[in-house]
Every structure is written in C-alpha cells, then in structure tokens.
C-alpha cells in the first residue's frame, strides 16, 4: 500500500512541511458545505427536489503565523525499491524540498 504525503506551505511566513497526515499539532479550520444549486420544484410530481451540496477541501492554521494553508498532495516517486524513500537535505529552509530523485 502506498503512503500518501502532503506538503503544507505558507507563502506568508515561509513555513514548509511534508507530512503523511499523522501530525496532531495542526489546527483544522472548520468549513461548512456550500450549496451547488438551489432547490427546484419538479413539474411532474409537484414536489421540491433537494439541492446538491459541495464539500470544501480541508484547511489548517499555519503553526508560525496563524493564517490558513491548504495541503497539497505529493506524487509518490517512481522507485525500484518502494520501501526506500529519501529526503533532500532540509526542506524547512526553503530549498527544493520533496523527494530525492534517484
């Protein structure tokens, strides 16, 4: 089973992190559903047809500055040995970050 990795990047303060979703220090910002279309009256039956809802993606508060950041899903690198994943030197200093290409 492939692990899913996400990048959290704050453009305001420069916070940069890669996680597999197991971090508990992130505070999730609660968002409500948005209505896609208004309820309509069905002409055949004369009853109201319920509207459809759109679920918004999750957002988190930046641990440094408190603004909202969105996680971006990273692609799994194509490696011969799927169990070995290596990282760049330090992804928190603003370098290239991500996975090392072999």
PDB file of N, CA and C in Angstrom:
ATOM      1  N   UNK A   1       0.830  -1.166   0.000  1.00  0.00           N
ATOM      2  CA  UNK A   1       0.000   0.000   0.000  1.00  0.00           C
ATOM      3  C   UNK A   1       0.885   1.243   0.000  1.00  0.00           C
ATOM      4  N   UNK A   2       0.587   2.182  -0.871  1.00  0.00           N
ATOM      5  CA  UNK A   2       1.376   3.394  -0.998  1.00  0.00           C
ATOM      6  C   UNK A   2       0.984   4.411   0.068  1.00  0.00           C
ATOM      7  N   UNK A   3       1.982   5.044   0.628  1.00  0.00           N
ATOM      8  CA  UNK A   3       1.722   6.102   1.603  1.00  0.00           C
ATOM      9  C   UNK A   3       1.398   7.390   0.869  1.00  0.00           C
ATOM     10  N   UNK A   4       0.524   8.195   1.450  1.00  0.00           N
ATOM     11  CA  UNK A   4       0.174   9.486   0.869  1.00  0.00           C
ATOM     12  C   UNK A   4       0.908  10.568   1.638  1.00  0.00           C
ATOM     13  N   UNK A   5       1.599  11.421   0.907  1.00  0.00           N
ATOM     14  CA  UNK A   5       2.318  12.524   1.522  1.00  0.00           C
ATOM     15  C   UNK A   5       1.699  13.843   1.077  1.00  0.00           C
ATOM     16  N   UNK A   6       1.699  14.809   1.986  1.00  0.00           N
ATOM     17  CA  UNK A   6       1.127  16.114   1.725  1.00  0.00           C
ATOM     18  C   UNK A   6       2.146  17.189   2.065  1.00  0.00           C
ATOM     19  N   UNK A   7       2.143  18.267   1.279  1.00  0.00           N
ATOM     20  CA  UNK A   7       3.017  19.409   1.544  1.00  0.00           C
ATOM     21  C   UNK A   7       2.165  20.542   2.100  1.00  0.00           C
ATOM     22  N   UNK A   8       2.610  21.085   3.218  1.00  0.00           N
ATOM     23  CA  UNK A   8       1.979  22.256   3.822  1.00  0.00           C
ATOM     24  C   UNK A   8       2.934  23.418   3.634  1.00  0.00           C
ATOM     25  N   UNK A   9       2.509  24.432   2.885  1.00  0.00           N
ATOM     26  CA  UNK A   9       3.375  25.547   2.554  1.00  0.00           C
ATOM     27  C   UNK A   9       2.637  26.855   2.799  1.00  0.00           C
ATOM     28  N   UNK A  10       3.192  27.708   3.644  1.00  0.00           N
ATOM     29  CA  UNK A  10       2.620  29.031   3.909  1.00  0.00           C
ATOM     30  C   UNK A  10       3.444  30.057   3.138  1.00  0.00           C
ATOM     31  N   UNK A  11       2.804  30.752   2.216  1.00  0.00           N
ATOM     32  CA  UNK A  11       3.510  31.736   1.396  1.00  0.00           C
ATOM     33  C   UNK A  11       3.809  33.014   2.174  1.00  0.00           C
ATOM     34  N   UNK A  12       3.096  33.268   3.252  1.00  0.00           N
ATOM     35  CA  UNK A  12       3.278  34.494   4.018  1.00  0.00           C
ATOM     36  C   UNK A  12       4.542  34.439   4.881  1.00  0.00           C
ATOM     37  N   UNK A  13       4.656  33.395   5.690  1.00  0.00           N
ATOM     38  CA  UNK A  13       5.788  33.332   6.625  1.00  0.00           C
ATOM     39  C   UNK A  13       6.885  32.356   6.177  1.00  0.00           C
ATOM     40  N   UNK A  14       6.624  31.532   5.166  1.00  0.00           N
ATOM     41  CA  UNK A  14       7.643  30.606   4.683  1.00  0.00           C
ATOM     42  C   UNK A  14       7.634  29.254   5.356  1.00  0.00           C
ATOM     43  N   UNK A  15       6.620  28.937   6.140  1.00  0.00           N
ATOM     44  CA  UNK A  15       6.528  27.620   6.775  1.00  0.00           C
ATOM     45  C   UNK A  15       6.378  26.561   5.690  1.00  0.00           C
ATOM     46  N   UNK A  16       7.155  25.495   5.791  1.00  0.00           N
ATOM     47  CA  UNK A  16       7.151  24.437   4.791  1.00  0.00           C
ATOM     48  C   UNK A  16       7.315  23.102   5.499  1.00  0.00           C
ATOM     49  N   UNK A  17       6.403  22.170   5.224  1.00  0.00           N
ATOM     50  CA  UNK A  17       6.455  20.879   5.898  1.00  0.00           C
ATOM     51  C   UNK A  17       5.883  19.802   4.991  1.00  0.00           C
ATOM     52  N   UNK A  18       6.433  18.600   5.101  1.00  0.00           N
ATOM     53  CA  UNK A  18       5.892  17.429   4.404  1.00  0.00           C
ATOM     54  C   UNK A  18       5.421  16.459   5.471  1.00  0.00           C
ATOM     55  N   UNK A  19       4.205  15.970   5.326  1.00  0.00           N
ATOM     56  CA  UNK A  19       3.624  15.095   6.341  1.00  0.00           C
ATOM     57  C   UNK A  19       2.864  13.960   5.661  1.00  0.00           C
ATOM     58  N   UNK A  20       2.657  12.897   6.421  1.00  0.00           N
ATOM     59  CA  UNK A  20       1.826  11.791   5.939  1.00  0.00           C
ATOM     60  C   UNK A  20       0.429  11.861   6.539  1.00  0.00           C
ATOM     61  N   UNK A  21       0.104  12.956   7.203  1.00  0.00           N
ATOM     62  CA  UNK A  21      -1.213  13.154   7.785  1.00  0.00           C
ATOM     63  C   UNK A  21      -1.307  12.745   9.238  1.00  0.00           C
ATOM     64  N   UNK A  22      -0.211  12.345   9.842  1.00  0.00           N
ATOM     65  CA  UNK A  22      -0.226  11.888  11.231  1.00  0.00           C
ATOM     66  C   UNK A  22       0.087  13.015  12.214  1.00  0.00           C
ATOM     67  N   UNK A  23       0.328  14.230  11.735  1.00  0.00           N
ATOM     68  CA  UNK A  23       0.633  15.352  12.637  1.00  0.00           C
ATOM     69  C   UNK A  23      -0.596  15.711  13.457  1.00  0.00           C
ATOM     70  N   UNK A  24      -0.391  15.875  14.741  1.00  0.00           N
ATOM     71  CA  UNK A  24      -1.500  16.279  15.603  1.00  0.00           C
ATOM     72  C   UNK A  24      -1.362  17.725  16.048  1.00  0.00           C
ATOM     73  N   UNK A  25      -0.256  18.405  15.664  1.00  0.00           N
ATOM     74  CA  UNK A  25      -0.063  19.778  16.095  1.00  0.00           C
ATOM     75  C   UNK A  25      -0.764  20.781  15.177  1.00  0.00           C
ATOM     76  N   UNK A  26      -1.424  20.333  14.112  1.00  0.00           N
ATOM     77  CA  UNK A  26      -2.119  21.227  13.209  1.00  0.00           C
ATOM     78  C   UNK A  26      -3.557  21.437  13.673  1.00  0.00           C
ATOM     79  N   UNK A  27      -4.028  22.672  13.556  1.00  0.00           N
ATOM     80  CA  UNK A  27      -5.393  23.004  13.933  1.00  0.00           C
ATOM     81  C   UNK A  27      -6.211  23.132  12.659  1.00  0.00           C
ATOM     82  N   UNK A  28      -7.243  22.295  12.542  1.00  0.00           N
ATOM     83  CA  UNK A  28      -8.082  22.330  11.341  1.00  0.00           C
ATOM     84  C   UNK A  28      -9.093  23.455  11.440  1.00  0.00           C
ATOM     85  N   UNK A  29      -9.244  24.197  10.359  1.00  0.00           N
ATOM     86  CA  UNK A  29     -10.218  25.280  10.277  1.00  0.00           C
ATOM     87  C   UNK A  29     -11.530  24.681   9.797  1.00  0.00           C
ATOM     88  N   UNK A  30     -12.584  24.858  10.562  1.00  0.00           N
ATOM     89  CA  UNK A  30     -13.870  24.254  10.213  1.00  0.00           C
ATOM     90  C   UNK A  30     -14.526  25.030   9.078  1.00  0.00           C
ATOM     91  N   UNK A  31     -14.977  24.311   8.069  1.00  0.00           N
ATOM     92  CA  UNK A  31     -15.630  24.920   6.917  1.00  0.00           C
ATOM     93  C   UNK A  31     -16.964  24.222   6.699  1.00  0.00           C
ATOM     94  N   UNK A  32     -17.945  24.988   6.298  1.00  0.00           N
ATOM     95  CA  UNK A  32     -19.268  24.420   6.079  1.00  0.00           C
ATOM     96  C   UNK A  32     -19.451  24.062   4.603  1.00  0.00           C
ATOM     97  N   UNK A  33     -20.471  23.256   4.348  1.00  0.00           N
ATOM     98  CA  UNK A  33     -20.778  22.873   2.972  1.00  0.00           C
ATOM     99  C   UNK A  33     -21.361  24.077   2.233  1.00  0.00           C
ATOM    100  N   UNK A  34     -21.186  24.081   0.912  1.00  0.00           N
ATOM    101  CA  UNK A  34     -21.705  25.156   0.081  1.00  0.00           C
ATOM    102  C   UNK A  34     -22.747  24.559  -0.859  1.00  0.00           C
ATOM    103  N   UNK A  35     -23.831  25.267  -1.028  1.00  0.00           N
ATOM    104  CA  UNK A  35     -24.917  24.796  -1.881  1.00  0.00           C
ATOM    105  C   UNK A  35     -24.541  24.997  -3.351  1.00  0.00           C
ATOM    106  N   UNK A  36     -24.610  23.910  -4.149  1.00  0.00           N
ATOM    107  CA  UNK A  36     -24.264  23.998  -5.567  1.00  0.00           C
ATOM    108  C   UNK A  36     -25.395  24.620  -6.389  1.00  0.00           C
ATOM    109  N   UNK A  37     -26.598  24.229  -6.106  1.00  0.00           N
ATOM    110  CA  UNK A  37     -27.746  24.765  -6.837  1.00  0.00           C
ATOM    111  C   UNK A  37     -28.921  24.892  -5.873  1.00  0.00           C
ATOM    112  N   UNK A  38     -29.849  25.738  -6.214  1.00  0.00           N
ATOM    113  CA  UNK A  38     -30.987  25.971  -5.328  1.00  0.00           C
ATOM    114  C   UNK A  38     -32.001  24.843  -5.472  1.00  0.00           C
ATOM    115  N   UNK A  39     -32.824  24.617  -4.457  1.00  0.00           N
ATOM    116  CA  UNK A  39     -33.876  23.606  -4.576  1.00  0.00           C
ATOM    117  C   UNK A  39     -34.861  24.006  -5.676  1.00  0.00           C
ATOM    118  N   UNK A  40     -35.334  23.005  -6.408  1.00  0.00           N
ATOM    119  CA  UNK A  40     -36.235  23.267  -7.531  1.00  0.00           C
ATOM    120  C   UNK A  40     -37.541  22.501  -7.346  1.00  0.00           C
ATOM    121  N   UNK A  41     -38.561  22.993  -7.984  1.00  0.00           N
ATOM    122  CA  UNK A  41     -39.855  22.324  -7.979  1.00  0.00           C
ATOM    123  C   UNK A  41     -39.931  21.401  -9.192  1.00  0.00           C
ATOM    124  N   UNK A  42     -40.166  20.114  -8.951  1.00  0.00           N
ATOM    125  CA  UNK A  42     -40.290  19.153 -10.043  1.00  0.00           C
ATOM    126  C   UNK A  42     -41.668  19.329 -10.681  1.00  0.00           C
ATOM    127  N   UNK A  43     -41.722  19.666 -11.986  1.00  0.00           N
ATOM    128  CA  UNK A  43     -43.020  19.914 -12.608  1.00  0.00           C
ATOM    129  C   UNK A  43     -43.886  18.658 -12.731  1.00  0.00           C
ATOM    130  N   UNK A  44     -43.269  17.481 -12.803  1.00  0.00           N
ATOM    131  CA  UNK A  44     -44.042  16.257 -12.976  1.00  0.00           C
ATOM    132  C   UNK A  44     -44.756  15.851 -11.684  1.00  0.00           C
ATOM    133  N   UNK A  45     -44.035  15.904 -10.568  1.00  0.00           N
ATOM    134  CA  UNK A  45     -44.621  15.445  -9.306  1.00  0.00           C
ATOM    135  C   UNK A  45     -45.126  16.593  -8.438  1.00  0.00           C
ATOM    136  N   UNK A  46     -44.653  17.801  -8.682  1.00  0.00           N
ATOM    137  CA  UNK A  46     -45.057  18.935  -7.871  1.00  0.00           C
ATOM    138  C   UNK A  46     -44.354  18.991  -6.526  1.00  0.00           C
ATOM    139  N   UNK A  47     -43.287  18.204  -6.343  1.00  0.00           N
ATOM    140  CA  UNK A  47     -42.533  18.186  -5.087  1.00  0.00           C
ATOM    141  C   UNK A  47     -41.206  18.910  -5.273  1.00  0.00           C
ATOM    142  N   UNK A  48     -40.655  19.334  -4.162  1.00  0.00           N
ATOM    143  CA  UNK A  48     -39.361  20.007  -4.191  1.00  0.00           C
ATOM    144  C   UNK A  48     -38.241  18.987  -4.350  1.00  0.00           C
ATOM    145  N   UNK A  49     -37.299  19.282  -5.235  1.00  0.00           N
ATOM    146  CA  UNK A  49     -36.105  18.462  -5.423  1.00  0.00           C
ATOM    147  C   UNK A  49     -35.002  19.098  -4.589  1.00  0.00           C
ATOM    148  N   UNK A  50     -34.398  18.304  -3.697  1.00  0.00           N
ATOM    149  CA  UNK A  50     -33.362  18.819  -2.807  1.00  0.00           C
ATOM    150  C   UNK A  50     -32.157  19.306  -3.613  1.00  0.00           C
ATOM    151  N   UNK A  51     -31.477  20.299  -3.060  1.00  0.00           N
ATOM    152  CA  UNK A  51     -30.287  20.831  -3.715  1.00  0.00           C
ATOM    153  C   UNK A  51     -29.092  19.923  -3.426  1.00  0.00           C
ATOM    154  N   UNK A  52     -28.063  20.056  -4.240  1.00  0.00           N
ATOM    155  CA  UNK A  52     -26.835  19.303  -4.017  1.00  0.00           C
ATOM    156  C   UNK A  52     -25.841  20.197  -3.294  1.00  0.00           C
ATOM    157  N   UNK A  53     -24.958  19.572  -2.537  1.00  0.00           N
ATOM    158  CA  UNK A  53     -24.004  20.298  -1.719  1.00  0.00           C
ATOM    159  C   UNK A  53     -22.588  20.010  -2.167  1.00  0.00           C
ATOM    160  N   UNK A  54     -21.730  20.985  -2.037  1.00  0.00           N
ATOM    161  CA  UNK A  54     -20.320  20.865  -2.377  1.00  0.00           C
ATOM    162  C   UNK A  54     -19.515  20.902  -1.082  1.00  0.00           C
ATOM    163  N   UNK A  55     -18.693  19.881  -0.857  1.00  0.00           N
ATOM    164  CA  UNK A  55     -17.842  19.843   0.328  1.00  0.00           C
ATOM    165  C   UNK A  55     -16.519  20.518  -0.002  1.00  0.00           C
ATOM    166  N   UNK A  56     -16.142  21.491   0.792  1.00  0.00           N
ATOM    167  CA  UNK A  56     -14.915  22.235   0.554  1.00  0.00           C
ATOM    168  C   UNK A  56     -13.709  21.466   1.093  1.00  0.00           C
ATOM    169  N   UNK A  57     -12.522  21.664   0.480  1.00  0.00           N
ATOM    170  CA  UNK A  57     -11.328  20.970   0.976  1.00  0.00           C
ATOM    171  C   UNK A  57     -10.914  21.476   2.353  1.00  0.00           C
ATOM    172  N   UNK A  58     -10.171  20.641   3.069  1.00  0.00           N
ATOM    173  CA  UNK A  58      -9.729  20.998   4.420  1.00  0.00           C
ATOM    174  C   UNK A  58      -8.645  22.067   4.357  1.00  0.00           C
ATOM    175  N   UNK A  59      -8.648  22.924   5.365  1.00  0.00           N
ATOM    176  CA  UNK A  59      -7.612  23.943   5.528  1.00  0.00           C
ATOM    177  C   UNK A  59      -7.158  23.919   6.979  1.00  0.00           C
ATOM    178  N   UNK A  60      -5.890  24.284   7.174  1.00  0.00           N
ATOM    179  CA  UNK A  60      -5.300  24.264   8.503  1.00  0.00           C
ATOM    180  C   UNK A  60      -4.683  25.619   8.813  1.00  0.00           C
ATOM    181  N   UNK A  61      -4.519  25.900  10.107  1.00  0.00           N
ATOM    182  CA  UNK A  61      -3.860  27.130  10.523  1.00  0.00           C
ATOM    183  C   UNK A  61      -2.357  26.899  10.528  1.00  0.00           C
ATOM    184  N   UNK A  62      -1.612  27.872  10.028  1.00  0.00           N
ATOM    185  CA  UNK A  62      -0.153  27.788   9.999  1.00  0.00           C
ATOM    186  C   UNK A  62       0.367  27.850  11.436  1.00  0.00           C
ATOM    187  N   UNK A  63       1.274  26.943  11.827  1.00  0.00           N
ATOM    188  CA  UNK A  63       1.801  26.972  13.196  1.00  0.00           C
ATOM    189  C   UNK A  63       2.630  28.217  13.502  1.00  0.00           C
ATOM    190  N   UNK A  64       3.182  28.863  12.466  1.00  0.00           N
ATOM    191  CA  UNK A  64       4.022  30.043  12.697  1.00  0.00           C
ATOM    192  C   UNK A  64       3.209  31.331  12.772  1.00  0.00           C
ATOM    193  N   UNK A  65       2.392  31.601  11.740  1.00  0.00           N
ATOM    194  CA  UNK A  65       1.726  32.907  11.664  1.00  0.00           C
ATOM    195  C   UNK A  65       0.218  32.843  11.884  1.00  0.00           C
ATOM    196  N   UNK A  66      -0.407  31.677  11.808  1.00  0.00           N
ATOM    197  CA  UNK A  66      -1.827  31.548  12.089  1.00  0.00           C
ATOM    198  C   UNK A  66      -2.742  31.715  10.882  1.00  0.00           C
ATOM    199  N   UNK A  67      -2.192  31.983   9.709  1.00  0.00           N
ATOM    200  CA  UNK A  67      -3.034  32.095   8.516  1.00  0.00           C
ATOM    201  C   UNK A  67      -3.417  30.713   8.012  1.00  0.00           C
ATOM    202  N   UNK A  68      -4.389  30.664   7.104  1.00  0.00           N
ATOM    203  CA  UNK A  68      -4.852  29.373   6.588  1.00  0.00           C
ATOM    204  C   UNK A  68      -3.952  28.863   5.481  1.00  0.00           C
ATOM    205  N   UNK A  69      -3.662  27.559   5.529  1.00  0.00           N
ATOM    206  CA  UNK A  69      -2.882  26.911   4.475  1.00  0.00           C
ATOM    207  C   UNK A  69      -3.624  25.661   4.020  1.00  0.00           C
ATOM    208  N   UNK A  70      -3.440  25.319   2.766  1.00  0.00           N
ATOM    209  CA  UNK A  70      -4.074  24.138   2.192  1.00  0.00           C
ATOM    210  C   UNK A  70      -3.025  23.055   1.954  1.00  0.00           C
ATOM    211  N   UNK A  71      -3.322  21.808   2.297  1.00  0.00           N
ATOM    212  CA  UNK A  71      -2.376  20.736   1.995  1.00  0.00           C
ATOM    213  C   UNK A  71      -2.416  20.390   0.516  1.00  0.00           C
ATOM    214  N   UNK A  72      -1.260  20.128  -0.061  1.00  0.00           N
ATOM    215  CA  UNK A  72      -1.148  19.714  -1.458  1.00  0.00           C
ATOM    216  C   UNK A  72      -0.630  18.289  -1.482  1.00  0.00           C
ATOM    217  N   UNK A  73      -1.297  17.437  -2.235  1.00  0.00           N
ATOM    218  CA  UNK A  73      -0.917  16.034  -2.311  1.00  0.00           C
ATOM    219  C   UNK A  73       0.322  15.881  -3.186  1.00  0.00           C
ATOM    220  N   UNK A  74       1.317  15.132  -2.695  1.00  0.00           N
ATOM    221  CA  UNK A  74       2.539  14.875  -3.438  1.00  0.00           C
ATOM    222  C   UNK A  74       2.438  13.526  -4.126  1.00  0.00           C
ATOM    223  N   UNK A  75       3.019  13.448  -5.302  1.00  0.00           N
ATOM    224  CA  UNK A  75       3.056  12.172  -6.010  1.00  0.00           C
ATOM    225  C   UNK A  75       4.149  11.305  -5.410  1.00  0.00           C
ATOM    226  N   UNK A  76       3.891  10.009  -5.404  1.00  0.00           N
ATOM    227  CA  UNK A  76       4.893   9.079  -4.905  1.00  0.00           C
ATOM    228  C   UNK A  76       5.989   8.938  -5.948  1.00  0.00           C
ATOM    229  N   UNK A  77       7.260   8.997  -5.536  1.00  0.00           N
ATOM    230  CA  UNK A  77       8.339   8.881  -6.517  1.00  0.00           C
ATOM    231  C   UNK A  77       8.397   7.476  -7.100  1.00  0.00           C
ATOM    232  N   UNK A  78       8.786   7.406  -8.336  1.00  0.00           N
ATOM    233  CA  UNK A  78       8.917   6.112  -9.004  1.00  0.00           C
ATOM    234  C   UNK A  78      10.268   5.514  -8.634  1.00  0.00           C
ATOM    235  N   UNK A  79      10.270   4.608  -7.686  1.00  0.00           N
ATOM    236  CA  UNK A  79      11.491   3.962  -7.236  1.00  0.00           C
ATOM    237  C   UNK A  79      11.401   2.464  -7.482  1.00  0.00           C
ATOM    238  N   UNK A  80      12.562   1.852  -7.702  1.00  0.00           N
ATOM    239  CA  UNK A  80      12.576   0.403  -7.858  1.00  0.00           C
ATOM    240  C   UNK A  80      12.258  -0.268  -6.521  1.00  0.00           C
ATOM    241  N   UNK A  81      12.870   0.229  -5.467  1.00  0.00           N
ATOM    242  CA  UNK A  81      12.611  -0.289  -4.130  1.00  0.00           C
ATOM    243  C   UNK A  81      11.593   0.633  -3.470  1.00  0.00           C
ATOM    244  N   UNK A  82      10.338   0.215  -3.402  1.00  0.00           N
ATOM    245  CA  UNK A  82       9.253   1.071  -2.905  1.00  0.00           C
ATOM    246  C   UNK A  82       9.380   1.383  -1.415  1.00  0.00           C
ATOM    247  N   UNK A  83      10.160   0.591  -0.663  1.00  0.00           N
ATOM    248  CA  UNK A  83      10.256   0.832   0.767  1.00  0.00           C
ATOM    249  C   UNK A  83      11.257   1.925   1.107  1.00  0.00           C
ATOM    250  N   UNK A  84      12.144   2.284   0.163  1.00  0.00           N
ATOM    251  CA  UNK A  84      13.178   3.273   0.446  1.00  0.00           C
ATOM    252  C   UNK A  84      12.756   4.639  -0.100  1.00  0.00           C
ATOM    253  N   UNK A  85      12.530   5.573   0.795  1.00  0.00           N
ATOM    254  CA  UNK A  85      12.207   6.947   0.413  1.00  0.00           C
ATOM    255  C   UNK A  85      13.224   7.847   1.096  1.00  0.00           C
ATOM    256  N   UNK A  86      13.924   8.662   0.311  1.00  0.00           N
ATOM    257  CA  UNK A  86      14.922   9.568   0.872  1.00  0.00           C
ATOM    258  C   UNK A  86      14.465  11.001   0.681  1.00  0.00           C
ATOM    259  N   UNK A  87      14.873  11.853   1.586  1.00  0.00           N
ATOM    260  CA  UNK A  87      14.502  13.264   1.550  1.00  0.00           C
ATOM    261  C   UNK A  87      15.710  14.105   1.182  1.00  0.00           C
ATOM    262  N   UNK A  88      15.444  15.317   0.696  1.00  0.00           N
ATOM    263  CA  UNK A  88      16.512  16.278   0.465  1.00  0.00           C
ATOM    264  C   UNK A  88      17.118  16.687   1.797  1.00  0.00           C
ATOM    265  N   UNK A  89      18.150  17.515   1.746  1.00  0.00           N
ATOM    266  CA  UNK A  89      18.879  17.889   2.952  1.00  0.00           C
ATOM    267  C   UNK A  89      17.965  18.447   4.039  1.00  0.00           C
ATOM    268  N   UNK A  90      17.324  19.566   3.762  1.00  0.00           N
ATOM    269  CA  UNK A  90      16.444  20.167   4.761  1.00  0.00           C
ATOM    270  C   UNK A  90      15.347  20.923   4.029  1.00  0.00           C
ATOM    271  N   UNK A  91      14.125  20.452   4.154  1.00  0.00           N
ATOM    272  CA  UNK A  91      13.032  21.058   3.399  1.00  0.00           C
ATOM    273  C   UNK A  91      12.456  22.280   4.101  1.00  0.00           C
ATOM    274  N   UNK A  92      12.837  22.521   5.350  1.00  0.00           N
ATOM    275  CA  UNK A  92      12.269  23.650   6.075  1.00  0.00           C
ATOM    276  C   UNK A  92      13.021  24.954   5.817  1.00  0.00           C
ATOM    277  N   UNK A  93      14.163  24.904   5.130  1.00  0.00           N
ATOM    278  CA  UNK A  93      14.930  26.128   4.887  1.00  0.00           C
ATOM    279  C   UNK A  93      14.579  26.780   3.583  1.00  0.00           C
ATOM    280  N   UNK A  94      13.583  26.286   2.885  1.00  0.00           N
ATOM    281  CA  UNK A  94      13.184  26.918   1.635  1.00  0.00           C
ATOM    282  C   UNK A  94      13.916  26.393   0.413  1.00  0.00           C
ATOM    283  N   UNK A  95      14.593  25.248   0.542  1.00  0.00           N
ATOM    284  CA  UNK A  95      15.266  24.655  -0.605  1.00  0.00           C
ATOM    285  C   UNK A  95      14.259  24.015  -1.551  1.00  0.00           C
ATOM    286  N   UNK A  96      14.732  23.139  -2.400  1.00  0.00           N
ATOM    287  CA  UNK A  96      13.854  22.481  -3.355  1.00  0.00           C
ATOM    288  C   UNK A  96      12.826  21.621  -2.643  1.00  0.00           C
ATOM    289  N   UNK A  97      13.238  20.905  -1.610  1.00  0.00           N
ATOM    290  CA  UNK A  97      12.310  20.083  -0.844  1.00  0.00           C
ATOM    291  C   UNK A  97      11.786  18.904  -1.634  1.00  0.00           C
ATOM    292  N   UNK A  98      10.991  18.086  -1.005  1.00  0.00           N
ATOM    293  CA  UNK A  98      10.383  16.962  -1.701  1.00  0.00           C
ATOM    294  C   UNK A  98      11.259  15.727  -1.632  1.00  0.00           C
ATOM    295  N   UNK A  99      11.078  14.865  -2.595  1.00  0.00           N
ATOM    296  CA  UNK A  99      11.797  13.606  -2.620  1.00  0.00           C
ATOM    297  C   UNK A  99      13.035  13.731  -3.502  1.00  0.00           C
ATOM    298  N   UNK A 100      14.054  12.985  -3.114  1.00  0.00           N
ATOM    299  CA  UNK A 100      15.288  12.983  -3.891  1.00  0.00           C
ATOM    300  C   UNK A 100      15.114  12.068  -5.088  1.00  0.00           C
ATOM    301  N   UNK A 101      15.492  12.539  -6.246  1.00  0.00           N
ATOM    302  CA  UNK A 101      15.394  11.737  -7.467  1.00  0.00           C
ATOM    303  C   UNK A 101      16.605  10.820  -7.556  1.00  0.00           C
ATOM    304  N   UNK A 102      16.358   9.550  -7.796  1.00  0.00           N
ATOM    305  CA  UNK A 102      17.461   8.583  -7.929  1.00  0.00           C
ATOM    306  C   UNK A 102      17.713   8.280  -9.379  1.00  0.00           C
TER     307      UNK A 102
END
